[in-house]
N, C-alpha and C. Protein backbone atom coordinates (compact mmCIF):
# COMPACT_ATOMS: atom_id res chain seq x y z
N MET A 1 0.83 -1.20 0.00
CA MET A 1 0.00 0.00 0.00
C MET A 1 0.86 1.25 0.00
N THR A 2 0.43 2.25 -0.75
CA THR A 2 1.13 3.53 -0.75
C THR A 2 0.54 4.44 0.34
N ILE A 3 1.28 5.49 0.67
CA ILE A 3 0.80 6.45 1.64
C ILE A 3 -0.50 7.10 1.16
N LEU A 4 -0.58 7.38 -0.15
CA LEU A 4 -1.79 7.98 -0.71
C LEU A 4 -2.99 7.07 -0.49
N GLN A 5 -2.81 5.77 -0.73
CA GLN A 5 -3.90 4.82 -0.54
C GLN A 5 -4.35 4.79 0.92
N VAL A 6 -3.39 4.79 1.82
CA VAL A 6 -3.72 4.78 3.25
C VAL A 6 -4.53 6.02 3.62
N ILE A 7 -4.08 7.19 3.15
CA ILE A 7 -4.77 8.44 3.49
C ILE A 7 -6.18 8.45 2.92
N VAL A 8 -6.31 8.06 1.65
CA VAL A 8 -7.63 8.08 1.00
C VAL A 8 -8.59 7.13 1.72
N LEU A 9 -8.13 5.92 2.00
CA LEU A 9 -9.01 4.94 2.65
C LEU A 9 -9.35 5.36 4.08
N ALA A 10 -8.42 6.00 4.77
CA ALA A 10 -8.70 6.49 6.12
C ALA A 10 -9.78 7.57 6.08
N ILE A 11 -9.70 8.44 5.08
CA ILE A 11 -10.72 9.48 4.92
C ILE A 11 -12.08 8.87 4.58
N VAL A 12 -12.07 7.88 3.70
CA VAL A 12 -13.31 7.18 3.35
C VAL A 12 -13.94 6.56 4.59
N GLN A 13 -13.13 5.91 5.40
CA GLN A 13 -13.63 5.31 6.64
C GLN A 13 -14.23 6.38 7.55
N GLY A 14 -13.52 7.47 7.73
CA GLY A 14 -14.01 8.52 8.60
C GLY A 14 -15.31 9.14 8.13
N LEU A 15 -15.48 9.27 6.82
CA LEU A 15 -16.68 9.90 6.28
C LEU A 15 -17.88 8.96 6.27
N THR A 16 -17.64 7.66 6.18
CA THR A 16 -18.75 6.72 6.00
C THR A 16 -19.11 5.89 7.23
N GLU A 17 -18.23 5.83 8.23
CA GLU A 17 -18.49 4.97 9.39
C GLU A 17 -19.76 5.37 10.12
N PHE A 18 -20.01 6.66 10.24
CA PHE A 18 -21.13 7.11 11.06
C PHE A 18 -22.37 7.41 10.22
N LEU A 19 -22.35 6.97 8.99
CA LEU A 19 -23.54 7.01 8.13
C LEU A 19 -23.93 5.56 7.81
N PRO A 20 -25.21 5.29 7.64
CA PRO A 20 -25.63 3.90 7.37
C PRO A 20 -25.42 3.50 5.92
N VAL A 21 -24.16 3.60 5.46
CA VAL A 21 -23.86 3.32 4.05
C VAL A 21 -22.74 2.31 3.89
N SER A 22 -22.37 1.62 4.95
CA SER A 22 -21.35 0.58 4.93
C SER A 22 -19.96 1.12 4.62
N SER A 23 -19.23 1.50 5.65
CA SER A 23 -17.84 1.93 5.45
C SER A 23 -17.00 0.79 4.90
N SER A 24 -17.26 -0.44 5.34
CA SER A 24 -16.50 -1.59 4.84
C SER A 24 -16.74 -1.80 3.35
N GLY A 25 -17.99 -1.60 2.94
CA GLY A 25 -18.30 -1.72 1.52
C GLY A 25 -17.55 -0.70 0.69
N HIS A 26 -17.47 0.52 1.19
CA HIS A 26 -16.74 1.56 0.46
C HIS A 26 -15.24 1.29 0.46
N LEU A 27 -14.74 0.61 1.51
CA LEU A 27 -13.32 0.25 1.52
C LEU A 27 -13.02 -0.84 0.48
N VAL A 28 -14.04 -1.53 0.01
CA VAL A 28 -13.89 -2.48 -1.09
C VAL A 28 -14.03 -1.77 -2.43
N LEU A 29 -15.01 -0.85 -2.52
CA LEU A 29 -15.31 -0.20 -3.79
C LEU A 29 -14.21 0.78 -4.22
N VAL A 30 -13.67 1.55 -3.28
CA VAL A 30 -12.69 2.58 -3.64
C VAL A 30 -11.44 1.99 -4.30
N PRO A 31 -10.81 0.95 -3.73
CA PRO A 31 -9.66 0.36 -4.43
C PRO A 31 -10.03 -0.20 -5.81
N SER A 32 -11.25 -0.74 -5.93
CA SER A 32 -11.68 -1.26 -7.23
C SER A 32 -11.81 -0.14 -8.25
N ILE A 33 -12.33 1.00 -7.83
CA ILE A 33 -12.49 2.14 -8.74
C ILE A 33 -11.14 2.68 -9.21
N PHE A 34 -10.17 2.75 -8.29
CA PHE A 34 -8.87 3.32 -8.62
C PHE A 34 -7.87 2.28 -9.13
N GLY A 35 -8.28 1.02 -9.18
CA GLY A 35 -7.38 -0.02 -9.67
C GLY A 35 -6.29 -0.38 -8.69
N TRP A 36 -6.53 -0.15 -7.39
CA TRP A 36 -5.55 -0.50 -6.37
C TRP A 36 -5.72 -1.95 -5.95
N THR A 37 -4.64 -2.53 -5.45
CA THR A 37 -4.73 -3.86 -4.85
C THR A 37 -5.54 -3.76 -3.57
N ASP A 38 -6.43 -4.72 -3.37
CA ASP A 38 -7.24 -4.72 -2.16
C ASP A 38 -6.32 -4.71 -0.93
N GLN A 39 -6.61 -3.81 -0.01
CA GLN A 39 -5.74 -3.61 1.16
C GLN A 39 -5.87 -4.71 2.19
N GLY A 40 -6.92 -5.52 2.10
CA GLY A 40 -7.10 -6.61 3.05
C GLY A 40 -7.87 -6.18 4.28
N LEU A 41 -8.43 -7.15 4.97
CA LEU A 41 -9.31 -6.86 6.08
C LEU A 41 -8.57 -6.47 7.36
N ALA A 42 -7.30 -6.82 7.46
CA ALA A 42 -6.53 -6.38 8.64
C ALA A 42 -6.45 -4.85 8.66
N PHE A 43 -6.24 -4.25 7.50
CA PHE A 43 -6.23 -2.79 7.41
C PHE A 43 -7.61 -2.23 7.74
N ASP A 44 -8.65 -2.88 7.23
CA ASP A 44 -10.01 -2.42 7.51
C ASP A 44 -10.29 -2.41 9.01
N VAL A 45 -9.85 -3.44 9.70
CA VAL A 45 -10.04 -3.50 11.14
C VAL A 45 -9.29 -2.36 11.83
N ALA A 46 -8.10 -2.06 11.33
CA ALA A 46 -7.29 -0.99 11.93
C ALA A 46 -8.01 0.36 11.84
N VAL A 47 -8.58 0.67 10.69
CA VAL A 47 -9.27 1.96 10.56
C VAL A 47 -10.59 1.95 11.33
N HIS A 48 -11.20 0.78 11.46
CA HIS A 48 -12.40 0.68 12.29
C HIS A 48 -12.06 0.95 13.76
N PHE A 49 -10.86 0.56 14.17
CA PHE A 49 -10.45 0.83 15.55
C PHE A 49 -10.37 2.34 15.78
N GLY A 50 -9.94 3.07 14.78
CA GLY A 50 -9.96 4.52 14.88
C GLY A 50 -11.37 5.06 15.10
N SER A 51 -12.32 4.44 14.38
CA SER A 51 -13.72 4.83 14.57
C SER A 51 -14.21 4.49 15.97
N LEU A 52 -13.73 3.37 16.50
CA LEU A 52 -14.09 2.97 17.86
C LEU A 52 -13.67 4.03 18.87
N ILE A 53 -12.48 4.59 18.69
CA ILE A 53 -12.01 5.64 19.59
C ILE A 53 -12.96 6.83 19.54
N ALA A 54 -13.39 7.19 18.33
CA ALA A 54 -14.33 8.30 18.18
C ALA A 54 -15.65 8.01 18.88
N VAL A 55 -16.15 6.77 18.76
CA VAL A 55 -17.39 6.38 19.43
C VAL A 55 -17.24 6.50 20.94
N CYS A 56 -16.12 6.04 21.47
CA CYS A 56 -15.89 6.08 22.91
C CYS A 56 -15.81 7.51 23.43
N VAL A 57 -15.22 8.40 22.64
CA VAL A 57 -15.12 9.80 23.06
C VAL A 57 -16.50 10.45 23.04
N PHE A 58 -17.25 10.22 21.95
CA PHE A 58 -18.56 10.86 21.82
C PHE A 58 -19.54 10.35 22.86
N PHE A 59 -19.50 9.04 23.13
CA PHE A 59 -20.42 8.43 24.09
C PHE A 59 -19.73 8.19 25.44
N ARG A 60 -18.86 9.09 25.82
CA ARG A 60 -18.06 8.89 27.03
C ARG A 60 -18.93 8.75 28.28
N ASP A 61 -20.05 9.46 28.34
CA ASP A 61 -20.93 9.33 29.50
C ASP A 61 -21.55 7.94 29.55
N ASP A 62 -21.97 7.44 28.38
CA ASP A 62 -22.53 6.09 28.32
C ASP A 62 -21.47 5.05 28.67
N ILE A 63 -20.24 5.27 28.19
CA ILE A 63 -19.15 4.33 28.50
C ILE A 63 -18.88 4.32 30.00
N ALA A 64 -18.93 5.49 30.62
CA ALA A 64 -18.72 5.56 32.07
C ALA A 64 -19.81 4.78 32.80
N ASN A 65 -21.06 4.89 32.33
CA ASN A 65 -22.15 4.13 32.94
C ASN A 65 -21.96 2.63 32.76
N LEU A 66 -21.43 2.24 31.59
CA LEU A 66 -21.17 0.82 31.35
C LEU A 66 -20.07 0.30 32.28
N ILE A 67 -19.08 1.12 32.53
CA ILE A 67 -18.00 0.73 33.45
C ILE A 67 -18.57 0.55 34.86
N ARG A 68 -19.44 1.48 35.26
CA ARG A 68 -20.07 1.35 36.57
C ARG A 68 -20.95 0.10 36.63
N GLY A 69 -21.67 -0.17 35.53
CA GLY A 69 -22.50 -1.35 35.49
C GLY A 69 -21.69 -2.63 35.57
N THR A 70 -20.55 -2.65 34.90
CA THR A 70 -19.66 -3.81 34.97
C THR A 70 -19.18 -4.02 36.40
N GLY A 71 -18.87 -2.92 37.07
CA GLY A 71 -18.46 -3.02 38.47
C GLY A 71 -19.57 -3.61 39.34
N LYS A 72 -20.81 -3.21 39.08
CA LYS A 72 -21.94 -3.77 39.83
C LYS A 72 -22.02 -5.28 39.63
N ILE A 73 -21.86 -5.72 38.38
CA ILE A 73 -21.94 -7.15 38.08
C ILE A 73 -20.83 -7.90 38.79
N LEU A 74 -19.62 -7.36 38.75
CA LEU A 74 -18.47 -8.03 39.37
C LEU A 74 -18.60 -8.12 40.88
N THR A 75 -19.36 -7.21 41.46
CA THR A 75 -19.54 -7.23 42.91
C THR A 75 -20.81 -7.98 43.31
N GLY A 76 -21.47 -8.61 42.32
CA GLY A 76 -22.62 -9.46 42.62
C GLY A 76 -23.97 -8.81 42.47
N ASP A 77 -24.00 -7.51 42.19
CA ASP A 77 -25.28 -6.82 42.03
C ASP A 77 -25.70 -6.89 40.56
N VAL A 78 -26.03 -8.11 40.10
CA VAL A 78 -26.25 -8.35 38.67
C VAL A 78 -27.54 -7.76 38.15
N LYS A 79 -28.46 -7.40 39.06
CA LYS A 79 -29.76 -6.87 38.63
C LYS A 79 -29.84 -5.35 38.75
N ALA A 80 -28.74 -4.72 39.05
CA ALA A 80 -28.73 -3.26 39.17
C ALA A 80 -29.08 -2.62 37.83
N GLU A 81 -29.73 -1.46 37.88
CA GLU A 81 -30.12 -0.78 36.65
C GLU A 81 -28.90 -0.45 35.79
N GLU A 82 -27.78 -0.10 36.45
CA GLU A 82 -26.56 0.22 35.68
C GLU A 82 -26.03 -1.00 34.94
N ALA A 83 -26.38 -2.20 35.42
CA ALA A 83 -25.88 -3.42 34.80
C ALA A 83 -26.72 -3.86 33.61
N ARG A 84 -27.93 -3.33 33.49
CA ARG A 84 -28.84 -3.79 32.43
C ARG A 84 -28.25 -3.61 31.04
N MET A 85 -27.70 -2.43 30.78
CA MET A 85 -27.15 -2.17 29.45
C MET A 85 -25.91 -3.02 29.18
N VAL A 86 -25.14 -3.30 30.22
CA VAL A 86 -23.98 -4.18 30.07
C VAL A 86 -24.43 -5.56 29.60
N TRP A 87 -25.46 -6.10 30.24
CA TRP A 87 -25.99 -7.40 29.83
C TRP A 87 -26.50 -7.35 28.40
N CYS A 88 -27.22 -6.29 28.06
CA CYS A 88 -27.78 -6.16 26.71
C CYS A 88 -26.69 -6.12 25.65
N LEU A 89 -25.66 -5.32 25.89
CA LEU A 89 -24.57 -5.23 24.92
C LEU A 89 -23.79 -6.53 24.86
N GLY A 90 -23.64 -7.20 25.99
CA GLY A 90 -22.93 -8.47 26.00
C GLY A 90 -23.65 -9.53 25.18
N PHE A 91 -24.95 -9.70 25.43
CA PHE A 91 -25.72 -10.68 24.66
C PHE A 91 -25.85 -10.27 23.20
N GLY A 92 -25.94 -8.97 22.96
CA GLY A 92 -26.05 -8.49 21.58
C GLY A 92 -24.79 -8.69 20.77
N THR A 93 -23.65 -8.81 21.44
CA THR A 93 -22.37 -8.99 20.76
C THR A 93 -22.13 -10.44 20.35
N ILE A 94 -22.74 -11.38 21.05
CA ILE A 94 -22.48 -12.80 20.82
C ILE A 94 -22.73 -13.24 19.38
N PRO A 95 -23.86 -12.89 18.74
CA PRO A 95 -24.09 -13.37 17.36
C PRO A 95 -23.00 -12.96 16.38
N ALA A 96 -22.57 -11.70 16.42
CA ALA A 96 -21.54 -11.24 15.50
C ALA A 96 -20.20 -11.90 15.79
N ALA A 97 -19.90 -12.10 17.08
CA ALA A 97 -18.64 -12.75 17.44
C ALA A 97 -18.60 -14.18 16.92
N LEU A 98 -19.68 -14.92 17.08
CA LEU A 98 -19.73 -16.29 16.59
C LEU A 98 -19.72 -16.35 15.07
N ALA A 99 -20.46 -15.46 14.44
CA ALA A 99 -20.48 -15.43 12.97
C ALA A 99 -19.10 -15.11 12.42
N GLY A 100 -18.41 -14.17 13.06
CA GLY A 100 -17.06 -13.83 12.62
C GLY A 100 -16.11 -15.00 12.76
N LEU A 101 -16.24 -15.72 13.87
CA LEU A 101 -15.35 -16.84 14.14
C LEU A 101 -15.52 -17.96 13.12
N PHE A 102 -16.76 -18.25 12.74
CA PHE A 102 -17.02 -19.41 11.90
C PHE A 102 -17.16 -19.11 10.41
N PHE A 103 -17.55 -17.87 10.06
CA PHE A 103 -17.87 -17.61 8.66
C PHE A 103 -17.07 -16.49 8.01
N ALA A 104 -16.34 -15.68 8.80
CA ALA A 104 -15.68 -14.51 8.22
C ALA A 104 -14.65 -14.88 7.16
N ALA A 105 -13.90 -15.93 7.37
CA ALA A 105 -12.87 -16.31 6.40
C ALA A 105 -13.49 -16.69 5.07
N TRP A 106 -14.59 -17.46 5.12
CA TRP A 106 -15.26 -17.86 3.88
C TRP A 106 -15.86 -16.66 3.18
N ILE A 107 -16.49 -15.76 3.94
CA ILE A 107 -17.08 -14.56 3.35
C ILE A 107 -16.01 -13.70 2.70
N ALA A 108 -14.88 -13.55 3.38
CA ALA A 108 -13.79 -12.74 2.83
C ALA A 108 -13.26 -13.32 1.52
N ALA A 109 -13.23 -14.64 1.44
CA ALA A 109 -12.69 -15.30 0.24
C ALA A 109 -13.68 -15.30 -0.92
N ASN A 110 -14.98 -15.25 -0.62
CA ASN A 110 -15.97 -15.44 -1.67
C ASN A 110 -16.88 -14.25 -1.95
N LEU A 111 -17.02 -13.34 -1.01
CA LEU A 111 -18.01 -12.27 -1.17
C LEU A 111 -17.40 -10.87 -1.19
N ARG A 112 -16.10 -10.77 -1.07
CA ARG A 112 -15.46 -9.44 -1.03
C ARG A 112 -15.22 -8.96 -2.46
N ASN A 113 -16.30 -8.55 -3.13
CA ASN A 113 -16.18 -8.03 -4.49
C ASN A 113 -17.22 -6.96 -4.73
N PRO A 114 -17.00 -6.07 -5.69
CA PRO A 114 -17.90 -4.92 -5.90
C PRO A 114 -19.34 -5.31 -6.20
N ALA A 115 -19.58 -6.41 -6.91
CA ALA A 115 -20.94 -6.80 -7.25
C ALA A 115 -21.77 -7.07 -6.00
N VAL A 116 -21.18 -7.78 -5.05
CA VAL A 116 -21.88 -8.06 -3.79
C VAL A 116 -22.13 -6.76 -3.03
N VAL A 117 -21.13 -5.89 -3.00
CA VAL A 117 -21.26 -4.63 -2.27
C VAL A 117 -22.40 -3.78 -2.84
N VAL A 118 -22.47 -3.67 -4.16
CA VAL A 118 -23.53 -2.87 -4.78
C VAL A 118 -24.91 -3.44 -4.45
N GLY A 119 -25.03 -4.77 -4.52
CA GLY A 119 -26.32 -5.39 -4.24
C GLY A 119 -26.76 -5.20 -2.80
N THR A 120 -25.84 -5.39 -1.85
CA THR A 120 -26.21 -5.24 -0.44
C THR A 120 -26.46 -3.77 -0.08
N LEU A 121 -25.67 -2.87 -0.62
CA LEU A 121 -25.91 -1.46 -0.36
C LEU A 121 -27.31 -1.04 -0.79
N ALA A 122 -27.71 -1.45 -1.99
CA ALA A 122 -29.03 -1.09 -2.50
C ALA A 122 -30.15 -1.78 -1.71
N GLY A 123 -29.99 -3.08 -1.50
CA GLY A 123 -31.05 -3.84 -0.83
C GLY A 123 -31.31 -3.37 0.59
N TYR A 124 -30.26 -3.23 1.37
CA TYR A 124 -30.44 -2.79 2.75
C TYR A 124 -30.84 -1.33 2.84
N GLY A 125 -30.44 -0.53 1.84
CA GLY A 125 -30.88 0.86 1.82
C GLY A 125 -32.39 0.98 1.66
N ILE A 126 -32.94 0.16 0.78
CA ILE A 126 -34.40 0.15 0.59
C ILE A 126 -35.10 -0.33 1.85
N LEU A 127 -34.57 -1.39 2.47
CA LEU A 127 -35.18 -1.92 3.69
C LEU A 127 -35.16 -0.89 4.81
N MET A 128 -34.04 -0.17 4.93
CA MET A 128 -33.94 0.84 5.97
C MET A 128 -34.95 1.97 5.75
N ALA A 129 -35.12 2.38 4.49
CA ALA A 129 -36.07 3.45 4.18
C ALA A 129 -37.50 3.03 4.54
N LEU A 130 -37.85 1.79 4.23
CA LEU A 130 -39.19 1.29 4.54
C LEU A 130 -39.41 1.20 6.05
N ALA A 131 -38.40 0.68 6.76
CA ALA A 131 -38.52 0.57 8.21
C ALA A 131 -38.67 1.94 8.86
N ASP A 132 -37.90 2.89 8.41
CA ASP A 132 -37.95 4.22 8.99
C ASP A 132 -39.29 4.90 8.68
N ARG A 133 -39.85 4.57 7.52
CA ARG A 133 -41.12 5.20 7.12
C ARG A 133 -42.31 4.63 7.87
N PHE A 134 -42.33 3.32 8.09
CA PHE A 134 -43.55 2.69 8.57
C PHE A 134 -43.47 2.16 10.01
N ALA A 135 -42.27 2.03 10.58
CA ALA A 135 -42.15 1.46 11.93
C ALA A 135 -42.61 2.44 13.00
N ALA A 136 -43.06 1.89 14.11
CA ALA A 136 -43.44 2.73 15.25
C ALA A 136 -42.19 3.31 15.91
N SER A 137 -42.39 4.31 16.76
CA SER A 137 -41.25 4.98 17.41
C SER A 137 -41.53 5.22 18.89
N GLY A 138 -42.14 4.25 19.53
CA GLY A 138 -42.56 4.46 20.90
C GLY A 138 -41.54 4.11 21.97
N LYS A 139 -40.44 3.46 21.60
CA LYS A 139 -39.47 3.01 22.61
C LYS A 139 -38.23 3.90 22.60
N ASN A 140 -37.60 4.02 23.77
CA ASN A 140 -36.30 4.69 23.84
C ASN A 140 -35.26 3.71 24.38
N ILE A 141 -34.03 4.17 24.53
CA ILE A 141 -32.95 3.25 24.86
C ILE A 141 -33.11 2.62 26.25
N SER A 142 -33.84 3.28 27.13
CA SER A 142 -34.07 2.70 28.45
C SER A 142 -35.01 1.50 28.39
N ASP A 143 -35.68 1.32 27.25
CA ASP A 143 -36.59 0.18 27.08
C ASP A 143 -35.91 -1.04 26.48
N VAL A 144 -34.62 -0.92 26.15
CA VAL A 144 -33.91 -2.06 25.55
C VAL A 144 -33.81 -3.20 26.55
N ARG A 145 -34.18 -4.39 26.09
CA ARG A 145 -34.07 -5.59 26.90
C ARG A 145 -33.20 -6.60 26.17
N ILE A 146 -32.85 -7.68 26.85
CA ILE A 146 -31.94 -8.66 26.25
C ILE A 146 -32.50 -9.22 24.95
N ARG A 147 -33.81 -9.46 24.90
CA ARG A 147 -34.41 -9.96 23.65
C ARG A 147 -34.16 -8.99 22.50
N ASP A 148 -34.38 -7.70 22.73
CA ASP A 148 -34.13 -6.70 21.70
C ASP A 148 -32.65 -6.71 21.28
N ALA A 149 -31.78 -6.78 22.28
CA ALA A 149 -30.34 -6.75 22.01
C ALA A 149 -29.90 -7.94 21.18
N VAL A 150 -30.45 -9.12 21.47
CA VAL A 150 -30.07 -10.31 20.71
C VAL A 150 -30.55 -10.19 19.26
N LEU A 151 -31.77 -9.71 19.06
CA LEU A 151 -32.28 -9.55 17.69
C LEU A 151 -31.45 -8.53 16.91
N ILE A 152 -31.11 -7.43 17.55
CA ILE A 152 -30.26 -6.43 16.89
C ILE A 152 -28.87 -7.00 16.67
N GLY A 153 -28.39 -7.81 17.62
CA GLY A 153 -27.09 -8.45 17.46
C GLY A 153 -27.06 -9.43 16.31
N LEU A 154 -28.16 -10.16 16.09
CA LEU A 154 -28.25 -11.07 14.94
C LEU A 154 -28.15 -10.28 13.65
N ALA A 155 -28.80 -9.12 13.62
CA ALA A 155 -28.69 -8.27 12.43
C ALA A 155 -27.26 -7.77 12.25
N GLN A 156 -26.60 -7.44 13.37
CA GLN A 156 -25.22 -6.97 13.29
C GLN A 156 -24.30 -8.01 12.65
N ALA A 157 -24.59 -9.28 12.89
CA ALA A 157 -23.77 -10.34 12.31
C ALA A 157 -23.79 -10.31 10.79
N LEU A 158 -24.87 -9.78 10.20
CA LEU A 158 -24.96 -9.68 8.74
C LEU A 158 -23.92 -8.72 8.17
N ALA A 159 -23.38 -7.85 9.04
CA ALA A 159 -22.39 -6.88 8.57
C ALA A 159 -21.09 -7.53 8.12
N LEU A 160 -20.93 -8.82 8.39
CA LEU A 160 -19.79 -9.55 7.83
C LEU A 160 -19.83 -9.56 6.31
N ILE A 161 -21.04 -9.49 5.75
CA ILE A 161 -21.19 -9.49 4.29
C ILE A 161 -20.84 -8.11 3.76
N PRO A 162 -19.86 -8.00 2.87
CA PRO A 162 -19.44 -6.70 2.36
C PRO A 162 -20.60 -5.89 1.80
N GLY A 163 -20.65 -4.63 2.12
CA GLY A 163 -21.71 -3.76 1.65
C GLY A 163 -22.88 -3.67 2.60
N THR A 164 -22.91 -4.54 3.60
CA THR A 164 -23.96 -4.48 4.61
C THR A 164 -23.53 -3.52 5.69
N SER A 165 -24.18 -2.38 5.77
CA SER A 165 -23.82 -1.39 6.77
C SER A 165 -24.15 -1.90 8.16
N ARG A 166 -23.14 -1.98 9.02
CA ARG A 166 -23.39 -2.44 10.39
C ARG A 166 -24.36 -1.50 11.10
N SER A 167 -24.08 -0.22 11.00
CA SER A 167 -24.99 0.73 11.65
C SER A 167 -26.35 0.71 10.98
N GLY A 168 -26.36 0.62 9.65
CA GLY A 168 -27.63 0.63 8.92
C GLY A 168 -28.53 -0.54 9.28
N VAL A 169 -27.96 -1.75 9.30
CA VAL A 169 -28.79 -2.93 9.54
C VAL A 169 -29.22 -3.01 11.00
N THR A 170 -28.39 -2.54 11.93
CA THR A 170 -28.79 -2.56 13.33
C THR A 170 -29.82 -1.46 13.63
N ILE A 171 -29.65 -0.31 13.04
CA ILE A 171 -30.65 0.76 13.21
C ILE A 171 -31.98 0.32 12.61
N THR A 172 -31.93 -0.31 11.44
CA THR A 172 -33.15 -0.80 10.80
C THR A 172 -33.88 -1.78 11.70
N THR A 173 -33.14 -2.72 12.28
CA THR A 173 -33.76 -3.71 13.16
C THR A 173 -34.35 -3.05 14.40
N ALA A 174 -33.62 -2.10 14.97
CA ALA A 174 -34.13 -1.39 16.14
C ALA A 174 -35.39 -0.60 15.80
N ARG A 175 -35.42 -0.01 14.62
CA ARG A 175 -36.63 0.71 14.19
C ARG A 175 -37.79 -0.25 14.02
N LEU A 176 -37.54 -1.44 13.47
CA LEU A 176 -38.60 -2.44 13.31
C LEU A 176 -39.11 -2.92 14.67
N LEU A 177 -38.26 -2.85 15.69
CA LEU A 177 -38.66 -3.23 17.04
C LEU A 177 -39.37 -2.09 17.77
N GLY A 178 -39.50 -0.94 17.12
CA GLY A 178 -40.27 0.16 17.68
C GLY A 178 -39.48 1.25 18.36
N PHE A 179 -38.15 1.25 18.18
CA PHE A 179 -37.33 2.29 18.83
C PHE A 179 -37.27 3.55 17.97
N ALA A 180 -37.25 4.69 18.64
CA ALA A 180 -37.15 5.96 17.94
C ALA A 180 -35.79 6.07 17.25
N ARG A 181 -35.72 6.94 16.25
CA ARG A 181 -34.49 7.07 15.45
C ARG A 181 -33.26 7.32 16.31
N HIS A 182 -33.34 8.33 17.17
CA HIS A 182 -32.19 8.71 17.98
C HIS A 182 -31.73 7.55 18.85
N ASP A 183 -32.67 6.86 19.47
CA ASP A 183 -32.31 5.79 20.38
C ASP A 183 -31.83 4.55 19.63
N ALA A 184 -32.40 4.30 18.46
CA ALA A 184 -31.92 3.19 17.63
C ALA A 184 -30.47 3.42 17.22
N ALA A 185 -30.15 4.65 16.82
CA ALA A 185 -28.78 4.97 16.42
C ALA A 185 -27.83 4.91 17.61
N ARG A 186 -28.28 5.40 18.75
CA ARG A 186 -27.43 5.40 19.94
C ARG A 186 -27.08 3.98 20.36
N PHE A 187 -28.08 3.10 20.41
CA PHE A 187 -27.79 1.72 20.79
C PHE A 187 -26.91 1.04 19.74
N SER A 188 -27.13 1.34 18.47
CA SER A 188 -26.32 0.76 17.40
C SER A 188 -24.85 1.07 17.57
N PHE A 189 -24.54 2.31 17.87
CA PHE A 189 -23.13 2.69 18.01
C PHE A 189 -22.52 2.15 19.29
N LEU A 190 -23.29 2.07 20.36
CA LEU A 190 -22.77 1.45 21.57
C LEU A 190 -22.50 -0.04 21.33
N LEU A 191 -23.36 -0.69 20.55
CA LEU A 191 -23.17 -2.11 20.25
C LEU A 191 -21.95 -2.36 19.38
N SER A 192 -21.53 -1.33 18.65
CA SER A 192 -20.36 -1.50 17.77
C SER A 192 -19.07 -1.63 18.57
N ALA A 193 -19.03 -1.02 19.75
CA ALA A 193 -17.77 -0.94 20.50
C ALA A 193 -17.19 -2.30 20.85
N PRO A 194 -17.94 -3.21 21.49
CA PRO A 194 -17.33 -4.50 21.84
C PRO A 194 -16.94 -5.33 20.63
N VAL A 195 -17.73 -5.28 19.55
CA VAL A 195 -17.42 -6.08 18.35
C VAL A 195 -16.14 -5.59 17.70
N ILE A 196 -16.01 -4.28 17.52
CA ILE A 196 -14.80 -3.74 16.90
C ILE A 196 -13.59 -4.01 17.79
N LEU A 197 -13.76 -3.87 19.09
CA LEU A 197 -12.65 -4.13 20.01
C LEU A 197 -12.20 -5.59 19.94
N LEU A 198 -13.16 -6.52 19.94
CA LEU A 198 -12.82 -7.94 19.84
C LEU A 198 -12.11 -8.25 18.52
N ALA A 199 -12.63 -7.69 17.42
CA ALA A 199 -12.01 -7.93 16.12
C ALA A 199 -10.60 -7.37 16.06
N THR A 200 -10.41 -6.20 16.64
CA THR A 200 -9.08 -5.58 16.65
C THR A 200 -8.08 -6.41 17.44
N ILE A 201 -8.51 -6.86 18.61
CA ILE A 201 -7.62 -7.69 19.44
C ILE A 201 -7.27 -8.98 18.72
N TYR A 202 -8.27 -9.61 18.10
CA TYR A 202 -8.04 -10.88 17.40
C TYR A 202 -7.06 -10.69 16.26
N GLU A 203 -7.27 -9.63 15.47
CA GLU A 203 -6.37 -9.37 14.35
C GLU A 203 -4.96 -9.08 14.85
N ALA A 204 -4.85 -8.28 15.91
CA ALA A 204 -3.54 -7.92 16.44
C ALA A 204 -2.79 -9.16 16.91
N VAL A 205 -3.48 -10.04 17.61
CA VAL A 205 -2.84 -11.27 18.09
C VAL A 205 -2.36 -12.12 16.92
N ASN A 206 -3.20 -12.25 15.89
CA ASN A 206 -2.81 -13.06 14.74
C ASN A 206 -1.66 -12.45 13.96
N LEU A 207 -1.65 -11.12 13.86
CA LEU A 207 -0.55 -10.47 13.16
C LEU A 207 0.77 -10.68 13.89
N ILE A 208 0.70 -10.71 15.21
CA ILE A 208 1.90 -10.87 16.02
C ILE A 208 2.39 -12.31 16.04
N THR A 209 1.45 -13.27 16.08
CA THR A 209 1.82 -14.66 16.34
C THR A 209 1.90 -15.55 15.11
N SER A 210 1.31 -15.12 13.99
CA SER A 210 1.32 -16.00 12.82
C SER A 210 1.11 -15.21 11.55
N ASP A 211 1.19 -15.93 10.42
CA ASP A 211 0.94 -15.34 9.12
C ASP A 211 -0.50 -15.55 8.69
N VAL A 212 -1.28 -16.25 9.50
CA VAL A 212 -2.68 -16.53 9.16
C VAL A 212 -3.53 -15.52 9.86
N ILE A 213 -4.28 -14.73 9.12
CA ILE A 213 -5.06 -13.64 9.68
C ILE A 213 -6.54 -13.96 9.63
N TRP A 214 -7.18 -13.89 10.79
CA TRP A 214 -8.64 -14.01 10.84
C TRP A 214 -9.25 -12.71 10.37
N HIS A 215 -10.26 -12.79 9.53
CA HIS A 215 -10.79 -11.58 8.89
C HIS A 215 -12.14 -11.16 9.46
N TRP A 216 -12.27 -9.88 9.65
CA TRP A 216 -13.53 -9.29 10.07
C TRP A 216 -13.88 -8.16 9.14
N VAL A 217 -15.13 -8.08 8.70
CA VAL A 217 -15.58 -7.00 7.85
C VAL A 217 -16.29 -5.97 8.70
């Protein structure tokens, strides 16, 4: 990779991560448009880690509450209100973690191409528009329960498929479950933190210990 490619792709990641348009999909499309060699998913994870830092800074109050909730759980107060969101994010992370472990390598080898990206971008874009237009908006983030988190987490696992916006598909699912736009987006970004962190750690360990890299989109 050249310095120019790194800079361009970093800018693409920064501009698209917080929009429901699949930053990972654009990281596939941009090299294809410019005729660059695909940078690989290890690089994609690295720039996603940068996005994770931004999420943690923006949602610092929520992160502080999650830390307090984790402390409650560790001290045995597992039913404390501060612990509820920790449980929800934990259960919501499991589907994507398992999907990444068992299917990410196959998806990376077979689905990382512009045709798949274009199809998923269009398809999920239409679904998101319909959900936002017709779904109810009576719930807020304080109404999130483990069942909601697991369903949104199952949708998050679809983000392994290139062109599937992680934020887009999780916001869409939250909207279908009746959450208001703001709260659907807020929970979506909080749910991104553990998944991106796990993927980053996994990639870092593999880069250090072997030549075989586990891939996350």
